[in-house]
Amino acid sequence: MRAARMSIDHTPLSTLDVLESEAIHIIREVAAEFEKPVLLFSGGKDSVTVLHLAAKAFWPAKIPFGLLHVDTGHNFPEILKFRDETAARYGIDLSVARVQDYIDDGRLRERADGTRNTLQTQPLIDAIAEGGFDAVFGGARRDEDKARAKERIFSLRDEFGQWDPSNQRPELWNLYNGRHVNGEHVRVFPISNFTELDVWSYIARENISLPHLYYAHEREVFQRDGMWWSTGEFSAPRPDESVIRKSVRYRTVGDMSCTGAVESDADDISSVLAEVAVTTVTERGATRADDRISAAAMEDRKKDGYF
């Protein structure tokens, strides 16, 4: 008898297919290897993308780990609303560590410049320890900052949550070493090989919902340090700064006190893709004041336990 021929699909994989496959593989490996993972979720585009990938990794089953957010108290209200709605839609537990609690009881003090983004580190480390999390998913990408590029997919953190670049483990042939002792944990970055344009392209392909702040909208803003700042309780204009109404969008959604907007008319996914495709500055470099403190600002914070 003639053997039946097996049909083989030779359709080449797209870049997004490859990136998605890698990220899903990483997420599944962590779920299998670690006792209690958690996903850092801010409601921003990168963490939303990681959550979407996690849902695809385990579909039709429920995502087998919860979400963790460090709320500085300076977050955009729209982001907090989106965060809560997203957790409810997925039916997933959401834990929130609040910087304000640390300020109220004296464990942290307000910064002189009024920003709180750098105050997230201690609440994050404490929440990881108290939750017993041994793997923490993050949405970091290598193209965001040169310090991000020094880390690989798995980033070992010591008992104090700190990162030592000299101890970064090699990752040959997509083999990930999650070995750690009690008290240590591993930060995991499934979309490390995505660029900002890849993330937006994936969001477009998968029709992923995002907070409307990412798209152009009219807002009362003032200009400072080459960025457009939203008026509000945590970002008030100085006497010499004029408030105007302008069409802007946010490329990243950190605190209101450290995140600026960019002038834009990109009010839908296709126009955002076109805008991102021609930009020459990363979103953090363009609109995050906390990353402009020094050339090594991000690396210094990561060594202390930051994302």
Protein backbone atom coordinates (compact mmCIF):
# COMPACT_ATOMS: atom_id res chain seq x y z
CA MET A 1 0.00 0.00 0.00
CA ARG A 2 1.14 3.50 -0.78
CA ALA A 3 1.76 5.48 2.41
CA ALA A 4 -0.45 8.49 2.84
CA ARG A 5 1.37 11.76 2.32
CA MET A 6 1.39 14.18 5.22
CA SER A 7 0.52 17.74 4.31
CA ILE A 8 3.10 20.20 5.64
CA ASP A 9 2.47 23.92 5.82
CA HIS A 10 5.54 25.78 4.59
CA THR A 11 4.11 29.24 5.22
CA PRO A 12 6.93 31.30 6.74
CA LEU A 13 6.39 32.72 10.22
CA SER A 14 6.19 36.48 10.55
CA THR A 15 8.34 38.41 13.03
CA LEU A 16 5.32 38.77 15.30
CA ASP A 17 4.64 35.03 15.12
CA VAL A 18 8.21 34.31 16.25
CA LEU A 19 8.10 36.88 19.06
CA GLU A 20 4.72 35.61 20.26
CA SER A 21 5.92 32.01 20.22
CA GLU A 22 9.03 32.89 22.22
CA ALA A 23 7.05 34.86 24.81
CA ILE A 24 4.45 32.12 25.26
CA HIS A 25 7.24 29.54 25.65
CA ILE A 26 8.84 31.68 28.37
CA ILE A 27 5.57 32.16 30.25
CA ARG A 28 4.81 28.43 30.17
CA GLU A 29 8.34 27.58 31.32
CA VAL A 30 7.99 29.87 34.32
CA ALA A 31 4.58 28.47 35.24
CA ALA A 32 6.05 24.95 35.15
CA GLU A 33 9.34 25.70 36.92
CA PHE A 34 8.39 28.13 39.69
CA GLU A 35 6.12 27.70 42.70
CA LYS A 36 4.37 31.09 42.76
CA PRO A 37 4.77 33.52 39.85
CA VAL A 38 3.06 36.91 39.65
CA LEU A 39 2.69 39.43 36.83
CA LEU A 40 3.55 43.08 37.43
CA PHE A 41 0.62 44.96 35.92
CA SER A 42 0.47 48.73 35.61
CA GLY A 43 -2.19 49.01 32.93
CA GLY A 44 0.46 50.22 30.48
CA LYS A 45 0.80 48.85 26.95
CA ASP A 46 3.71 46.50 27.74
CA SER A 47 2.14 44.84 30.77
CA VAL A 48 -1.17 44.62 28.89
CA THR A 49 0.70 42.80 26.11
CA VAL A 50 2.29 40.35 28.57
CA LEU A 51 -1.12 39.67 30.13
CA HIS A 52 -2.61 39.00 26.69
CA LEU A 53 0.23 36.58 25.93
CA ALA A 54 -0.33 34.81 29.25
CA ALA A 55 -4.01 34.38 28.42
CA LYS A 56 -3.07 32.83 25.06
CA ALA A 57 -0.44 30.62 26.72
CA PHE A 58 -3.00 28.85 28.92
CA TRP A 59 -6.24 29.21 26.95
CA PRO A 60 -8.87 27.85 27.47
CA ALA A 61 -7.74 27.49 31.09
CA LYS A 62 -7.50 30.45 33.44
CA ILE A 63 -4.18 32.25 33.87
CA PRO A 64 -2.53 30.37 36.77
CA PHE A 65 -1.08 33.41 38.56
CA GLY A 66 -2.23 36.79 39.76
CA LEU A 67 -1.37 40.44 39.13
CA LEU A 68 0.62 42.85 41.27
CA HIS A 69 0.62 46.64 40.95
CA VAL A 70 2.60 49.22 42.91
CA ASP A 71 0.33 52.26 43.18
CA THR A 72 2.33 55.44 43.79
CA GLY A 73 -0.74 57.55 44.43
CA HIS A 74 0.20 59.73 41.46
CA ASN A 75 -1.19 57.45 38.78
CA PHE A 76 -3.49 58.67 36.02
CA PRO A 77 -7.08 57.93 37.16
CA GLU A 78 -7.81 56.51 33.70
CA ILE A 79 -5.05 53.95 34.16
CA LEU A 80 -6.29 52.77 37.54
CA LYS A 81 -9.80 52.36 36.16
CA PHE A 82 -8.46 50.38 33.20
CA ARG A 83 -6.31 48.24 35.54
CA ASP A 84 -9.28 47.23 37.68
CA GLU A 85 -11.57 46.59 34.71
CA THR A 86 -8.93 44.43 33.03
CA ALA A 87 -8.35 42.28 36.13
CA ALA A 88 -12.11 41.79 36.49
CA ARG A 89 -12.50 40.88 32.80
CA TYR A 90 -9.84 38.17 33.06
CA GLY A 91 -11.18 37.00 36.42
CA ILE A 92 -7.71 37.26 37.93
CA ASP A 93 -6.59 38.30 41.42
CA LEU A 94 -5.05 41.76 41.70
CA SER A 95 -2.78 42.73 44.61
CA VAL A 96 -1.95 46.40 45.13
CA ALA A 97 1.00 47.75 47.12
CA ARG A 98 0.53 51.45 47.92
CA VAL A 99 3.35 53.95 48.29
CA GLN A 100 1.02 56.20 50.27
CA ASP A 101 0.86 53.60 53.07
CA TYR A 102 4.65 53.79 53.40
CA ILE A 103 4.60 57.58 53.51
CA ASP A 104 1.80 57.62 56.08
CA ASP A 105 3.67 55.36 58.53
CA GLY A 106 7.09 56.93 57.95
CA ARG A 107 8.80 54.11 56.07
CA LEU A 108 9.22 56.44 53.08
CA ARG A 109 9.48 60.20 52.73
CA GLU A 110 8.24 62.40 49.92
CA ARG A 111 10.93 63.52 47.48
CA ALA A 112 11.80 67.19 47.23
CA ASP A 113 10.85 67.22 43.54
CA GLY A 114 7.39 65.80 44.27
CA THR A 115 7.79 62.66 42.16
CA ARG A 116 7.12 59.19 43.52
CA ASN A 117 8.20 56.86 40.75
CA THR A 118 11.48 56.00 42.48
CA LEU A 119 9.60 55.32 45.74
CA GLN A 120 8.06 52.18 44.26
CA THR A 121 11.08 49.99 44.96
CA GLN A 122 10.56 49.21 48.66
CA PRO A 123 6.81 48.52 48.42
CA LEU A 124 7.53 46.25 45.45
CA ILE A 125 10.24 44.26 47.25
CA ASP A 126 8.05 43.93 50.35
CA ALA A 127 5.03 42.81 48.31
CA ILE A 128 7.14 40.13 46.58
CA ALA A 129 8.45 38.85 49.93
CA GLU A 130 5.06 38.95 51.66
CA GLY A 131 3.37 37.23 48.73
CA GLY A 132 6.03 34.54 48.56
CA PHE A 133 6.51 35.16 44.83
CA ASP A 134 9.55 33.43 43.36
CA ALA A 135 9.09 34.64 39.77
CA VAL A 136 7.90 38.11 38.77
CA PHE A 137 6.87 38.80 35.18
CA GLY A 138 7.63 42.29 33.89
CA GLY A 139 6.96 44.08 30.62
CA ALA A 140 10.46 45.51 30.15
CA ARG A 141 11.93 45.65 26.65
CA ARG A 142 15.60 45.93 25.71
CA ASP A 143 15.09 48.98 23.48
CA GLU A 144 13.71 51.12 26.32
CA ASP A 145 17.02 51.88 28.01
CA LYS A 146 20.61 50.67 27.86
CA ALA A 147 20.26 49.28 31.40
CA ARG A 148 17.35 47.12 30.21
CA ALA A 149 19.61 45.72 27.49
CA LYS A 150 22.07 44.41 30.09
CA GLU A 151 19.47 42.04 31.49
CA ARG A 152 18.34 38.93 29.70
CA ILE A 153 15.02 37.11 29.86
CA PHE A 154 15.64 35.81 33.41
CA SER A 155 17.11 38.28 35.91
CA LEU A 156 18.13 36.86 39.29
CA ARG A 157 17.43 39.13 42.26
CA ASP A 158 18.98 38.58 45.69
CA GLU A 159 17.21 38.48 49.05
CA PHE A 160 17.01 42.28 48.97
CA GLY A 161 15.50 42.35 45.48
CA GLN A 162 18.71 43.80 44.07
CA TRP A 163 20.25 43.10 40.67
CA ASP A 164 23.97 42.59 40.09
CA PRO A 165 24.86 42.90 36.37
CA SER A 166 28.04 40.85 36.93
CA ASN A 167 25.92 37.88 38.00
CA GLN A 168 23.70 37.92 34.92
CA ARG A 169 23.47 34.36 33.64
CA PRO A 170 24.02 33.42 29.98
CA GLU A 171 21.01 32.20 27.99
CA LEU A 172 22.23 29.98 25.19
CA TRP A 173 19.81 28.30 22.77
CA ASN A 174 16.79 29.72 24.67
CA LEU A 175 17.68 27.77 27.81
CA TYR A 176 16.63 29.67 30.96
CA ASN A 177 18.23 29.08 34.34
CA GLY A 178 15.74 29.83 37.11
CA ARG A 179 17.77 28.28 39.92
CA HIS A 180 17.57 30.32 43.11
CA VAL A 181 17.67 29.87 46.87
CA ASN A 182 15.03 30.80 49.43
CA GLY A 183 14.63 34.56 49.64
CA GLU A 184 15.79 35.17 46.09
CA HIS A 185 13.47 35.55 43.14
CA VAL A 186 13.71 35.88 39.38
CA ARG A 187 12.37 38.76 37.28
CA VAL A 188 11.18 37.47 33.92
CA PHE A 189 10.77 39.60 30.78
CA PRO A 190 8.84 37.66 28.10
CA ILE A 191 8.74 40.57 25.63
CA SER A 192 12.37 41.55 26.04
CA ASN A 193 12.97 40.98 22.32
CA PHE A 194 10.00 43.13 21.23
CA THR A 195 10.61 46.72 20.15
CA GLU A 196 8.11 49.51 20.75
CA LEU A 197 7.00 49.12 17.14
CA ASP A 198 6.64 45.35 17.61
CA VAL A 199 4.42 45.91 20.64
CA TRP A 200 2.17 48.31 18.73
CA SER A 201 2.08 45.98 15.72
CA TYR A 202 1.09 43.09 17.99
CA ILE A 203 -1.57 45.20 19.71
CA ALA A 204 -2.99 46.02 16.27
CA ARG A 205 -2.93 42.41 15.09
CA GLU A 206 -4.51 41.05 18.26
CA ASN A 207 -6.96 43.94 18.67
CA ILE A 208 -5.85 44.50 22.27
CA SER A 209 -7.65 47.20 24.25
CA LEU A 210 -5.53 49.98 25.76
CA PRO A 211 -6.24 53.04 27.92
CA HIS A 212 -7.27 55.95 25.70
CA LEU A 213 -4.28 57.99 26.94
CA TYR A 214 -2.17 56.17 24.37
CA TYR A 215 -4.15 57.80 21.56
CA ALA A 216 -4.35 61.47 20.67
CA HIS A 217 -6.89 63.47 22.66
CA GLU A 218 -7.28 67.10 23.65
CA ARG A 219 -5.94 67.95 27.08
CA GLU A 220 -4.92 70.98 29.13
CA VAL A 221 -1.12 70.93 29.18
CA PHE A 222 1.93 73.09 29.79
CA GLN A 223 5.45 72.71 28.43
CA ARG A 224 8.48 71.92 30.57
CA ASP A 225 11.84 70.41 29.61
CA GLY A 226 10.66 69.72 26.09
CA MET A 227 7.62 67.71 27.25
CA TRP A 228 3.92 68.45 27.52
CA TRP A 229 2.65 67.97 31.08
CA SER A 230 -0.98 67.45 32.00
CA THR A 231 -2.38 69.89 34.51
CA GLY A 232 -3.51 68.31 37.74
CA GLU A 233 -2.91 67.82 41.44
CA PHE A 234 0.51 66.23 40.87
CA SER A 235 1.78 68.30 37.94
CA ALA A 236 0.94 71.96 38.44
CA PRO A 237 2.42 74.64 36.15
CA ARG A 238 4.87 77.20 37.48
CA PRO A 239 4.04 80.90 37.29
CA ASP A 240 6.01 81.28 34.05
CA GLU A 241 4.41 78.24 32.36
CA SER A 242 1.29 78.83 30.27
CA VAL A 243 -1.53 76.28 30.15
CA ILE A 244 -2.99 75.60 26.72
CA ARG A 245 -5.32 73.02 25.23
CA LYS A 246 -3.53 70.73 22.78
CA SER A 247 -3.89 67.38 21.04
CA VAL A 248 -1.44 65.02 22.73
CA ARG A 249 -0.93 61.35 23.47
CA TYR A 250 1.20 59.38 25.92
CA ARG A 251 3.85 56.92 24.72
CA THR A 252 4.28 55.60 28.27
CA VAL A 253 1.99 55.97 31.28
CA GLY A 254 4.02 56.32 34.45
CA ASP A 255 3.15 58.77 37.22
CA MET A 256 1.47 62.06 36.37
CA SER A 257 4.34 63.73 38.25
CA CYS A 258 7.09 62.30 36.01
CA THR A 259 5.47 61.45 32.67
CA GLY A 260 5.04 63.87 29.79
CA ALA A 261 2.96 63.63 26.64
CA VAL A 262 3.93 64.20 23.03
CA GLU A 263 2.10 66.44 20.59
CA SER A 264 0.21 64.13 18.27
CA ASP A 265 -2.83 63.67 16.03
CA ALA A 266 -2.50 59.84 16.10
CA ASP A 267 -5.94 58.92 17.38
CA ASP A 268 -6.13 55.34 16.08
CA ILE A 269 -3.86 52.31 15.89
CA SER A 270 -2.78 52.80 12.27
CA SER A 271 -1.69 56.40 12.82
CA VAL A 272 0.13 55.45 16.03
CA LEU A 273 2.01 52.74 14.10
CA ALA A 274 3.02 55.28 11.46
CA GLU A 275 4.19 57.70 14.15
CA VAL A 276 6.21 55.11 16.08
CA ALA A 277 7.81 53.81 12.88
CA VAL A 278 9.61 57.10 12.25
CA THR A 279 10.55 58.09 15.80
CA THR A 280 14.23 58.05 16.75
CA VAL A 281 13.86 58.43 20.54
CA THR A 282 12.61 55.74 22.94
CA GLU A 283 9.39 56.44 24.79
CA ARG A 284 11.14 56.61 28.17
CA GLY A 285 13.88 58.86 26.84
CA ALA A 286 11.32 61.19 25.30
CA THR A 287 8.72 61.46 28.06
CA ARG A 288 10.00 60.19 31.42
CA ALA A 289 11.61 62.85 33.61
CA ASP A 290 12.82 60.26 36.14
CA ASP A 291 15.05 58.70 33.47
CA ARG A 292 16.75 62.05 32.80
CA ILE A 293 18.22 62.38 36.29
CA SER A 294 21.49 60.85 35.08
CA ALA A 295 22.82 58.66 32.27
CA ALA A 296 22.69 55.68 34.65
CA ALA A 297 19.38 56.51 36.34
CA MET A 298 17.61 53.33 35.25
CA GLU A 299 20.54 51.04 36.05
CA ASP A 300 20.96 52.55 39.52
CA ARG A 301 17.29 51.93 40.30
CA LYS A 302 17.39 48.40 38.93
CA LYS A 303 20.36 47.59 41.16
CA ASP A 304 18.26 48.74 44.12
CA GLY A 305 15.36 46.46 43.17
CA TYR A 306 13.37 48.50 40.66
CA PHE A 307 11.47 46.78 37.82
